[in-house]
Amino acid sequence: MDISHLLLAPVRLAVEIGVVGVAVVVVAGAWRRRHGHPPAPRPFQPAPSRPAPPQPPPPVLPAPVADAGFSVPVSMADYGWAVRLYHPMALMSEWERRVLSILVAQAPRGYYVCPQVRLADFMAPRGPDRDANRQAFFKIASKSIDFVVVHVQSGTVVLGIELDDGTHAHPERQYRDGLVDAAFAHIGIALLRFPPGARVDISGYFRAAPA
């Protein structure tokens, strides 16, 4: 049996591989002579992320109002919607206007009459507990009295006047009236209440201030 072709097969394979290798070297050398060294492979770089969308510029606030009582800038957008809803209204009812004329005529020299005065404008809590003072203040902060008589020289309230119309019969109004009565009694200021149709007379409740 002739096995010579089997023995020569590896030799032929090696020769063929060598020929291919030489050809590759020759081609690579020719490419380098023409183009220089091939560029080194770049390292892997992730794709650049998308830039964030541009942010809108911050709103430009107006300068603080000098006489607003605070220094924090205020934007018209904060209160413009509310301002557009406001309309003027009468400070007093017809009955209150009539009584005011009577009180002004009866108040002696050295006193004047103020309508619709907030309780917290002439009385305030002064206890040792700050939290208790705050709660006491809130109980009177939104409550006003129909009229007060003020001593001109000292600026102090000497008399309060309430006109008790039909709303004072409601339970929630009676609670408010009880608080007002107790507060006036505690600070030592007289409070007069007049129902509809009653004769208004305050002449006997204060003495005229000296000229």
Protein backbone atom coordinates (compact mmCIF):
# COMPACT_ATOMS: atom_id res chain seq x y z
CA MET A 1 0.00 0.00 0.00
CA ASP A 2 1.46 3.36 -1.02
CA ILE A 3 1.21 5.90 1.85
CA SER A 4 3.71 8.40 0.53
CA HIS A 5 0.96 10.92 -0.26
CA LEU A 6 -0.07 10.85 3.38
CA LEU A 7 3.44 11.59 4.53
CA LEU A 8 3.84 14.44 2.06
CA ALA A 9 0.52 16.15 2.96
CA PRO A 10 1.85 17.98 6.05
CA VAL A 11 4.81 19.20 4.08
CA ARG A 12 2.63 20.62 1.33
CA LEU A 13 0.38 22.30 3.99
CA ALA A 14 3.35 23.96 5.67
CA VAL A 15 4.62 25.22 2.34
CA GLU A 16 1.24 26.68 1.49
CA ILE A 17 0.98 28.43 4.88
CA GLY A 18 4.45 29.86 4.47
CA VAL A 19 3.63 31.20 1.04
CA VAL A 20 0.50 32.89 2.37
CA GLY A 21 2.42 34.40 5.26
CA VAL A 22 5.07 35.79 2.96
CA ALA A 23 2.39 37.32 0.75
CA VAL A 24 0.78 39.03 3.74
CA VAL A 25 4.11 40.46 4.87
CA VAL A 26 4.84 41.76 1.37
CA VAL A 27 1.42 43.41 1.05
CA ALA A 28 1.67 44.97 4.51
CA GLY A 29 5.13 46.33 3.74
CA ALA A 30 3.89 47.87 0.51
CA TRP A 31 0.96 49.50 2.34
CA ARG A 32 3.21 51.00 5.00
CA ARG A 33 5.56 52.40 2.36
CA ARG A 34 2.66 54.10 0.66
CA HIS A 35 0.54 55.19 3.65
CA GLY A 36 2.84 55.05 6.63
CA HIS A 37 2.06 53.06 9.74
CA PRO A 38 -1.62 52.22 10.11
CA PRO A 39 -3.32 54.24 12.86
CA ALA A 40 -3.50 52.55 16.24
CA PRO A 41 -6.98 51.40 17.17
CA ARG A 42 -8.84 53.95 19.28
CA PRO A 43 -9.93 52.92 22.75
CA PHE A 44 -13.65 52.44 23.24
CA GLN A 45 -15.46 55.63 24.07
CA PRO A 46 -19.14 55.76 24.98
CA ALA A 47 -21.41 57.86 22.85
CA PRO A 48 -21.66 61.43 24.14
CA SER A 49 -24.77 62.10 26.21
CA ARG A 50 -27.34 64.59 25.00
CA PRO A 51 -26.93 68.08 26.43
CA ALA A 52 -29.58 69.10 28.98
CA PRO A 53 -32.30 71.36 27.59
CA PRO A 54 -31.72 75.04 28.39
CA GLN A 55 -33.41 76.25 31.56
CA PRO A 56 -35.64 79.35 31.43
CA PRO A 57 -34.11 82.39 33.08
CA PRO A 58 -35.33 83.16 36.63
CA PRO A 59 -38.12 85.74 36.84
CA VAL A 60 -37.03 89.29 37.52
CA LEU A 61 -38.66 90.49 40.74
CA PRO A 62 -39.39 94.16 41.36
CA ALA A 63 -37.41 96.03 43.95
CA PRO A 64 -38.73 95.81 47.51
CA VAL A 65 -41.38 98.36 48.38
CA ALA A 66 -39.86 100.80 50.82
CA ASP A 67 -42.98 101.36 52.94
CA ALA A 68 -44.46 97.86 52.79
CA GLY A 69 -43.30 96.96 56.29
CA PHE A 70 -40.92 94.24 55.12
CA SER A 71 -37.84 93.94 52.93
CA VAL A 72 -38.66 90.72 51.07
CA PRO A 73 -39.14 91.32 47.31
CA VAL A 74 -42.74 90.88 46.23
CA SER A 75 -43.82 89.80 42.78
CA MET A 76 -47.02 91.18 41.30
CA ALA A 77 -47.91 87.60 40.36
CA ASP A 78 -48.31 86.81 44.07
CA TYR A 79 -51.21 89.20 44.64
CA GLY A 80 -52.25 90.57 41.25
CA TRP A 81 -55.16 88.13 40.91
CA ALA A 82 -56.56 89.23 44.28
CA VAL A 83 -56.11 92.95 43.63
CA ARG A 84 -58.28 92.69 40.53
CA LEU A 85 -61.17 91.41 42.68
CA TYR A 86 -61.26 94.32 45.13
CA HIS A 87 -63.97 96.99 45.02
CA PRO A 88 -64.63 99.84 47.45
CA MET A 89 -67.40 99.45 49.98
CA ALA A 90 -68.94 101.59 52.70
CA LEU A 91 -67.17 101.46 56.04
CA MET A 92 -70.41 101.90 58.00
CA SER A 93 -74.07 101.07 57.60
CA GLU A 94 -76.74 103.75 57.59
CA TRP A 95 -77.50 103.07 61.26
CA GLU A 96 -73.82 103.32 62.19
CA ARG A 97 -73.49 106.62 60.33
CA ARG A 98 -76.44 108.09 62.25
CA VAL A 99 -75.02 106.93 65.57
CA LEU A 100 -71.59 108.33 64.68
CA SER A 101 -73.13 111.78 64.22
CA ILE A 102 -74.75 111.50 67.66
CA LEU A 103 -71.52 110.34 69.32
CA VAL A 104 -69.48 113.12 67.75
CA ALA A 105 -71.99 115.68 69.01
CA GLN A 106 -71.94 114.23 72.54
CA ALA A 107 -68.17 113.73 72.89
CA PRO A 108 -66.82 116.71 74.84
CA ARG A 109 -63.76 118.70 74.01
CA GLY A 110 -60.58 116.66 74.25
CA TYR A 111 -62.13 113.43 72.93
CA TYR A 112 -62.85 112.10 69.47
CA VAL A 113 -64.78 109.14 68.11
CA CYS A 114 -63.26 106.43 65.89
CA PRO A 115 -65.44 103.94 64.00
CA GLN A 116 -64.58 100.29 63.22
CA VAL A 117 -61.48 99.87 65.36
CA ARG A 118 -59.73 96.52 65.71
CA LEU A 119 -59.48 95.26 69.28
CA ALA A 120 -55.81 94.37 68.82
CA ASP A 121 -55.08 98.04 68.07
CA PHE A 122 -55.72 99.08 71.69
CA MET A 123 -55.27 95.91 73.75
CA ALA A 124 -52.60 93.22 73.65
CA PRO A 125 -51.61 90.14 75.71
CA ARG A 126 -48.61 90.66 77.99
CA GLY A 127 -48.27 87.33 79.82
CA PRO A 128 -45.03 85.46 80.63
CA ASP A 129 -45.78 82.61 78.17
CA ARG A 130 -45.07 83.59 74.56
CA ASP A 131 -47.22 80.81 73.09
CA ALA A 132 -50.16 81.76 75.31
CA ASN A 133 -49.75 85.40 74.27
CA ARG A 134 -49.82 84.40 70.61
CA GLN A 135 -53.01 82.36 71.03
CA ALA A 136 -54.65 85.16 73.00
CA PHE A 137 -53.72 87.64 70.28
CA PHE A 138 -55.27 85.49 67.56
CA LYS A 139 -58.57 85.50 69.45
CA ILE A 140 -58.92 89.27 69.03
CA ALA A 141 -56.81 89.92 65.90
CA SER A 142 -59.76 89.79 63.48
CA LYS A 143 -62.39 91.34 65.76
CA SER A 144 -63.35 95.01 65.69
CA ILE A 145 -65.71 97.19 67.67
CA ASP A 146 -68.19 99.63 66.15
CA PHE A 147 -66.91 102.78 67.93
CA VAL A 148 -64.33 103.82 70.48
CA VAL A 149 -63.96 107.16 72.20
CA VAL A 150 -60.32 108.24 72.42
CA HIS A 151 -58.70 110.72 74.77
CA VAL A 152 -56.90 113.13 72.46
CA GLN A 153 -54.01 114.04 74.75
CA SER A 154 -53.02 110.49 75.71
CA GLY A 155 -54.33 108.61 72.66
CA THR A 156 -55.94 105.98 74.88
CA VAL A 157 -59.38 104.43 74.47
CA VAL A 158 -61.75 105.37 77.29
CA LEU A 159 -65.05 103.96 76.03
CA GLY A 160 -66.32 101.35 73.59
CA ILE A 161 -69.71 101.31 71.85
CA GLU A 162 -71.35 98.35 70.14
CA LEU A 163 -74.56 98.41 68.09
CA ASP A 164 -76.32 95.07 68.56
CA ASP A 165 -78.30 94.35 65.40
CA GLY A 166 -80.05 91.06 64.65
CA THR A 167 -76.81 89.19 63.95
CA HIS A 168 -75.89 89.34 67.65
CA ALA A 169 -78.59 86.75 68.39
CA HIS A 170 -76.64 84.02 66.55
CA PRO A 171 -74.71 81.57 68.80
CA GLU A 172 -71.34 82.24 67.16
CA ARG A 173 -71.92 86.00 67.52
CA GLN A 174 -72.84 85.57 71.19
CA TYR A 175 -69.52 83.78 71.76
CA ARG A 176 -67.73 86.69 70.14
CA ASP A 177 -69.71 89.22 72.22
CA GLY A 178 -68.85 87.34 75.41
CA LEU A 179 -65.15 87.48 74.55
CA VAL A 180 -65.34 91.21 73.80
CA ASP A 181 -67.25 91.96 77.03
CA ALA A 182 -64.75 89.99 79.14
CA ALA A 183 -61.76 91.64 77.45
CA PHE A 184 -63.13 95.16 78.04
CA ALA A 185 -63.91 94.34 81.67
CA HIS A 186 -60.41 92.96 82.23
CA ILE A 187 -58.59 96.02 80.87
CA GLY A 188 -60.94 98.38 82.72
CA ILE A 189 -62.62 100.12 79.76
CA ALA A 190 -66.39 100.62 79.78
CA LEU A 191 -68.36 99.05 76.93
CA LEU A 192 -71.88 100.18 76.03
CA ARG A 193 -74.27 98.18 73.87
CA PHE A 194 -77.25 99.70 72.11
CA PRO A 195 -79.96 97.61 70.39
CA PRO A 196 -81.86 99.04 67.40
CA GLY A 197 -84.18 101.89 68.39
CA ALA A 198 -82.45 102.55 71.72
CA ARG A 199 -81.54 106.10 72.68
CA VAL A 200 -77.80 106.64 72.34
CA ASP A 201 -76.33 108.71 75.19
CA ILE A 202 -72.69 108.56 76.29
CA SER A 203 -72.46 111.91 78.02
CA GLY A 204 -72.34 110.44 81.52
CA TYR A 205 -69.46 108.01 80.96
CA PHE A 206 -66.45 110.32 80.70
CA ARG A 207 -65.45 113.79 81.79
CA ALA A 208 -64.17 116.47 79.51
CA ALA A 209 -60.43 116.77 79.23
CA PRO A 210 -58.95 120.11 80.30
CA ALA A 211 -58.34 122.61 77.51
